Amino acid sequence: MTVTRPFTRQSTVLELATTLPGRAFKAMIVRQLPPVATEKERQELEDMTLGLPLETLVELSEGKLTWGIADSLLDLANRKPHRVIGRGVGAGAGALKKVTRPIRG
């Protein structure tokens, strides 16, 4: 499979897996698949899941895969790591505000 940058929220896990961060993400997804009865079912579930667009995985994850994580993965896959740092700093500030709000009370 050829690498087609830029990757987007519509890119599949298999497309992202053409990059180093995408391969790590794919391995994480495969490890977290629920147990199934047979190896054939396992392969079918894996194939189906890895063929889903990233945005669908976020929507189906029930909060386990956030937009921040998904967008950071896209930034890394698109060779824009500087954007991840900014997102992390912004998320940290938001989390700090949530924690300190009840304390100030």
N, C-alpha and C. Protein backbone atom coordinates (compact mmCIF):
# COMPACT_ATOMS: atom_id res chain seq x y z
N MET A 1 0.85 -1.18 0.00
CA MET A 1 0.00 0.00 0.00
C MET A 1 0.90 1.24 0.00
N THR A 2 0.58 2.19 -0.85
CA THR A 2 1.37 3.41 -0.91
C THR A 2 0.86 4.41 0.13
N VAL A 3 1.77 5.22 0.61
CA VAL A 3 1.42 6.24 1.59
C VAL A 3 0.78 7.41 0.87
N THR A 4 -0.42 7.79 1.29
CA THR A 4 -1.10 8.93 0.70
C THR A 4 -1.36 9.97 1.78
N ARG A 5 -0.43 10.90 1.89
CA ARG A 5 -0.61 12.00 2.83
C ARG A 5 -1.33 13.12 2.11
N PRO A 6 -2.03 13.95 2.76
CA PRO A 6 -2.21 13.92 4.21
C PRO A 6 -3.29 12.93 4.61
N PHE A 7 -3.07 12.32 5.77
CA PHE A 7 -4.08 11.45 6.35
C PHE A 7 -5.14 12.34 6.99
N THR A 8 -6.37 11.85 7.01
CA THR A 8 -7.49 12.60 7.58
C THR A 8 -8.27 11.71 8.53
N ARG A 9 -9.29 12.27 9.12
CA ARG A 9 -10.17 11.49 10.00
C ARG A 9 -10.89 10.39 9.22
N GLN A 10 -10.94 10.50 7.91
CA GLN A 10 -11.57 9.47 7.09
C GLN A 10 -10.60 8.36 6.69
N SER A 11 -9.31 8.51 7.01
CA SER A 11 -8.32 7.48 6.71
C SER A 11 -8.59 6.26 7.59
N THR A 12 -8.36 5.08 7.01
CA THR A 12 -8.56 3.84 7.77
C THR A 12 -7.31 3.51 8.58
N VAL A 13 -7.48 2.60 9.53
CA VAL A 13 -6.34 2.15 10.33
C VAL A 13 -5.31 1.50 9.41
N LEU A 14 -5.76 0.76 8.41
CA LEU A 14 -4.82 0.13 7.47
C LEU A 14 -4.01 1.17 6.71
N GLU A 15 -4.65 2.26 6.31
CA GLU A 15 -3.92 3.33 5.62
C GLU A 15 -2.91 3.97 6.57
N LEU A 16 -3.32 4.24 7.79
CA LEU A 16 -2.42 4.84 8.77
C LEU A 16 -1.26 3.91 9.11
N ALA A 17 -1.49 2.59 9.00
CA ALA A 17 -0.46 1.61 9.35
C ALA A 17 0.72 1.61 8.38
N THR A 18 0.66 2.44 7.34
CA THR A 18 1.81 2.58 6.45
C THR A 18 2.87 3.49 7.08
N THR A 19 2.56 4.05 8.27
CA THR A 19 3.49 4.91 9.00
C THR A 19 3.83 4.26 10.33
N LEU A 20 4.92 4.69 10.94
CA LEU A 20 5.32 4.13 12.24
C LEU A 20 4.27 4.38 13.33
N PRO A 21 3.76 5.62 13.49
CA PRO A 21 2.73 5.81 14.52
C PRO A 21 1.46 5.02 14.21
N GLY A 22 1.15 4.88 12.93
CA GLY A 22 -0.02 4.10 12.52
C GLY A 22 0.12 2.63 12.84
N ARG A 23 1.34 2.09 12.69
CA ARG A 23 1.56 0.68 13.02
C ARG A 23 1.39 0.44 14.51
N ALA A 24 1.87 1.39 15.33
CA ALA A 24 1.71 1.28 16.78
C ALA A 24 0.23 1.34 17.15
N PHE A 25 -0.50 2.24 16.51
CA PHE A 25 -1.94 2.37 16.76
C PHE A 25 -2.67 1.09 16.34
N LYS A 26 -2.32 0.54 15.20
CA LYS A 26 -2.94 -0.70 14.72
C LYS A 26 -2.72 -1.83 15.73
N ALA A 27 -1.50 -1.94 16.24
CA ALA A 27 -1.19 -2.99 17.22
C ALA A 27 -2.04 -2.82 18.48
N MET A 28 -2.21 -1.56 18.90
CA MET A 28 -3.03 -1.29 20.09
C MET A 28 -4.48 -1.69 19.84
N ILE A 29 -5.01 -1.35 18.67
CA ILE A 29 -6.39 -1.69 18.32
C ILE A 29 -6.58 -3.20 18.30
N VAL A 30 -5.66 -3.91 17.67
CA VAL A 30 -5.77 -5.37 17.57
C VAL A 30 -5.74 -6.01 18.95
N ARG A 31 -4.87 -5.50 19.84
CA ARG A 31 -4.78 -6.06 21.20
C ARG A 31 -6.08 -5.87 21.97
N GLN A 32 -6.83 -4.82 21.68
CA GLN A 32 -8.03 -4.51 22.46
C GLN A 32 -9.32 -5.08 21.86
N LEU A 33 -9.20 -5.85 20.79
CA LEU A 33 -10.41 -6.45 20.23
C LEU A 33 -10.98 -7.47 21.22
N PRO A 34 -12.29 -7.58 21.29
CA PRO A 34 -12.89 -8.54 22.24
C PRO A 34 -12.61 -9.98 21.81
N PRO A 35 -12.61 -10.90 22.77
CA PRO A 35 -12.38 -12.31 22.43
C PRO A 35 -13.53 -12.87 21.58
N VAL A 36 -13.18 -13.77 20.69
CA VAL A 36 -14.17 -14.44 19.85
C VAL A 36 -13.91 -15.94 19.88
N ALA A 37 -14.87 -16.71 19.37
CA ALA A 37 -14.82 -18.17 19.50
C ALA A 37 -13.75 -18.82 18.62
N THR A 38 -13.58 -18.35 17.41
CA THR A 38 -12.66 -19.03 16.49
C THR A 38 -11.65 -18.05 15.90
N GLU A 39 -10.59 -18.60 15.37
CA GLU A 39 -9.56 -17.78 14.72
C GLU A 39 -10.13 -17.10 13.48
N LYS A 40 -11.03 -17.78 12.78
CA LYS A 40 -11.67 -17.19 11.59
C LYS A 40 -12.47 -15.95 11.99
N GLU A 41 -13.24 -16.05 13.08
CA GLU A 41 -14.01 -14.90 13.56
C GLU A 41 -13.08 -13.78 13.98
N ARG A 42 -11.97 -14.13 14.60
CA ARG A 42 -10.98 -13.14 15.05
C ARG A 42 -10.44 -12.37 13.84
N GLN A 43 -10.10 -13.11 12.78
CA GLN A 43 -9.55 -12.47 11.59
C GLN A 43 -10.59 -11.58 10.92
N GLU A 44 -11.83 -12.03 10.88
CA GLU A 44 -12.90 -11.23 10.28
C GLU A 44 -13.13 -9.94 11.07
N LEU A 45 -13.13 -10.04 12.40
CA LEU A 45 -13.31 -8.87 13.25
C LEU A 45 -12.14 -7.90 13.08
N GLU A 46 -10.94 -8.45 13.03
CA GLU A 46 -9.76 -7.61 12.84
C GLU A 46 -9.80 -6.90 11.49
N ASP A 47 -10.12 -7.63 10.43
CA ASP A 47 -10.19 -7.03 9.09
C ASP A 47 -11.24 -5.92 9.04
N MET A 48 -12.39 -6.18 9.62
CA MET A 48 -13.47 -5.19 9.61
C MET A 48 -13.05 -3.94 10.38
N THR A 49 -12.48 -4.13 11.57
CA THR A 49 -12.10 -3.01 12.43
C THR A 49 -11.00 -2.18 11.77
N LEU A 50 -10.00 -2.81 11.21
CA LEU A 50 -8.88 -2.08 10.62
C LEU A 50 -9.28 -1.36 9.33
N GLY A 51 -10.40 -1.75 8.75
CA GLY A 51 -10.89 -1.09 7.55
C GLY A 51 -11.79 0.09 7.83
N LEU A 52 -12.07 0.35 9.11
CA LEU A 52 -12.94 1.47 9.47
C LEU A 52 -12.17 2.79 9.44
N PRO A 53 -12.84 3.87 9.05
CA PRO A 53 -12.20 5.19 9.15
C PRO A 53 -11.93 5.55 10.61
N LEU A 54 -10.90 6.33 10.84
CA LEU A 54 -10.53 6.75 12.19
C LEU A 54 -11.70 7.42 12.90
N GLU A 55 -12.44 8.27 12.19
CA GLU A 55 -13.56 8.97 12.84
C GLU A 55 -14.63 7.99 13.32
N THR A 56 -14.84 6.90 12.60
CA THR A 56 -15.82 5.89 13.02
C THR A 56 -15.35 5.20 14.29
N LEU A 57 -14.05 4.90 14.37
CA LEU A 57 -13.51 4.27 15.58
C LEU A 57 -13.71 5.18 16.80
N VAL A 58 -13.48 6.48 16.62
CA VAL A 58 -13.68 7.42 17.74
C VAL A 58 -15.14 7.38 18.17
N GLU A 59 -16.05 7.42 17.22
CA GLU A 59 -17.47 7.44 17.54
C GLU A 59 -17.94 6.14 18.19
N LEU A 60 -17.35 5.02 17.83
CA LEU A 60 -17.75 3.72 18.38
C LEU A 60 -17.04 3.38 19.69
N SER A 61 -16.01 4.14 20.05
CA SER A 61 -15.15 3.75 21.18
C SER A 61 -15.72 4.08 22.56
N GLU A 62 -16.85 4.77 22.62
CA GLU A 62 -17.47 5.14 23.89
C GLU A 62 -16.51 5.94 24.77
N GLY A 63 -15.77 6.83 24.14
CA GLY A 63 -14.87 7.70 24.89
C GLY A 63 -13.48 7.17 25.12
N LYS A 64 -13.21 5.93 24.78
CA LYS A 64 -11.87 5.36 24.99
C LYS A 64 -10.86 5.97 24.02
N LEU A 65 -11.30 6.26 22.81
CA LEU A 65 -10.45 6.91 21.81
C LEU A 65 -11.02 8.31 21.60
N THR A 66 -10.30 9.31 22.07
CA THR A 66 -10.80 10.68 21.99
C THR A 66 -10.38 11.33 20.68
N TRP A 67 -11.03 12.46 20.37
CA TRP A 67 -10.64 13.21 19.17
C TRP A 67 -9.22 13.74 19.32
N GLY A 68 -8.83 14.10 20.53
CA GLY A 68 -7.47 14.59 20.76
C GLY A 68 -6.43 13.54 20.42
N ILE A 69 -6.67 12.30 20.83
CA ILE A 69 -5.75 11.21 20.52
C ILE A 69 -5.75 10.95 19.02
N ALA A 70 -6.93 10.90 18.43
CA ALA A 70 -7.04 10.64 16.99
C ALA A 70 -6.33 11.72 16.18
N ASP A 71 -6.56 12.98 16.54
CA ASP A 71 -5.93 14.08 15.82
C ASP A 71 -4.42 14.09 16.03
N SER A 72 -3.97 13.71 17.21
CA SER A 72 -2.53 13.62 17.46
C SER A 72 -1.91 12.52 16.61
N LEU A 73 -2.59 11.39 16.50
CA LEU A 73 -2.12 10.31 15.64
C LEU A 73 -2.00 10.80 14.20
N LEU A 74 -3.02 11.52 13.73
CA LEU A 74 -2.97 12.06 12.37
C LEU A 74 -1.80 13.02 12.20
N ASP A 75 -1.58 13.88 13.18
CA ASP A 75 -0.46 14.81 13.08
C ASP A 75 0.87 14.08 13.00
N LEU A 76 1.04 13.05 13.82
CA LEU A 76 2.28 12.27 13.77
C LEU A 76 2.43 11.54 12.43
N ALA A 77 1.34 10.95 11.95
CA ALA A 77 1.38 10.24 10.67
C ALA A 77 1.66 11.20 9.50
N ASN A 78 1.20 12.43 9.64
CA ASN A 78 1.41 13.45 8.61
C ASN A 78 2.71 14.21 8.79
N ARG A 79 3.56 13.75 9.71
CA ARG A 79 4.87 14.35 9.99
C ARG A 79 4.75 15.80 10.45
N LYS A 80 3.80 16.03 11.37
CA LYS A 80 3.62 17.36 11.95
C LYS A 80 3.59 17.25 13.48
N PRO A 81 4.69 16.74 14.06
CA PRO A 81 4.69 16.51 15.51
C PRO A 81 4.54 17.79 16.33
N HIS A 82 4.92 18.94 15.77
CA HIS A 82 4.80 20.20 16.51
C HIS A 82 3.34 20.50 16.88
N ARG A 83 2.39 20.01 16.11
CA ARG A 83 0.97 20.25 16.41
C ARG A 83 0.52 19.44 17.63
N VAL A 84 1.16 18.29 17.84
CA VAL A 84 0.80 17.44 18.98
C VAL A 84 1.16 18.14 20.29
N ILE A 85 2.30 18.81 20.30
CA ILE A 85 2.75 19.50 21.51
C ILE A 85 1.75 20.58 21.90
N GLY A 86 1.31 21.36 20.93
CA GLY A 86 0.33 22.41 21.21
C GLY A 86 -0.97 21.86 21.74
N ARG A 87 -1.42 20.74 21.18
CA ARG A 87 -2.66 20.11 21.62
C ARG A 87 -2.51 19.60 23.05
N GLY A 88 -1.35 19.03 23.36
CA GLY A 88 -1.10 18.51 24.71
C GLY A 88 -1.08 19.61 25.74
N VAL A 89 -0.45 20.73 25.41
CA VAL A 89 -0.41 21.86 26.32
C VAL A 89 -1.82 22.40 26.54
N GLY A 90 -2.59 22.53 25.47
CA GLY A 90 -3.96 23.01 25.60
C GLY A 90 -4.82 22.08 26.43
N ALA A 91 -4.65 20.77 26.23
CA ALA A 91 -5.42 19.80 27.00
C ALA A 91 -5.03 19.85 28.47
N GLY A 92 -3.74 20.04 28.73
CA GLY A 92 -3.28 20.13 30.11
C GLY A 92 -3.87 21.33 30.82
N ALA A 93 -3.95 22.46 30.12
CA ALA A 93 -4.52 23.67 30.72
C ALA A 93 -6.00 23.46 31.01
N GLY A 94 -6.72 22.83 30.09
CA GLY A 94 -8.14 22.56 30.31
C GLY A 94 -8.36 21.64 31.49
N ALA A 95 -7.53 20.62 31.61
CA ALA A 95 -7.64 19.68 32.72
C ALA A 95 -7.34 20.39 34.04
N LEU A 96 -6.34 21.26 34.02
CA LEU A 96 -5.99 22.00 35.23
C LEU A 96 -7.14 22.88 35.68
N LYS A 97 -7.81 23.54 34.75
CA LYS A 97 -8.96 24.38 35.10
C LYS A 97 -10.08 23.55 35.72
N LYS A 98 -10.31 22.36 35.18
CA LYS A 98 -11.38 21.50 35.72
C LYS A 98 -11.05 21.06 37.15
N VAL A 99 -9.77 20.78 37.39
CA VAL A 99 -9.36 20.31 38.73
C VAL A 99 -9.41 21.44 39.74
N THR A 100 -8.96 22.63 39.34
CA THR A 100 -8.87 23.73 40.30
C THR A 100 -10.21 24.39 40.55
N ARG A 101 -11.14 24.29 39.64
CA ARG A 101 -12.47 24.92 39.81
C ARG A 101 -13.15 24.46 41.10
N PRO A 102 -13.24 23.14 41.36
CA PRO A 102 -13.91 22.71 42.60
C PRO A 102 -13.14 23.13 43.86
N ILE A 103 -11.83 23.26 43.75
CA ILE A 103 -11.04 23.63 44.91
C ILE A 103 -11.32 25.08 45.31
N ARG A 104 -11.46 25.94 44.30
CA ARG A 104 -11.71 27.36 44.58
C ARG A 104 -13.10 27.58 45.15
N GLY A 105 -14.00 26.67 44.78
CA GLY A 105 -15.29 26.60 45.19
C GLY A 105 -16.27 27.45 45.63
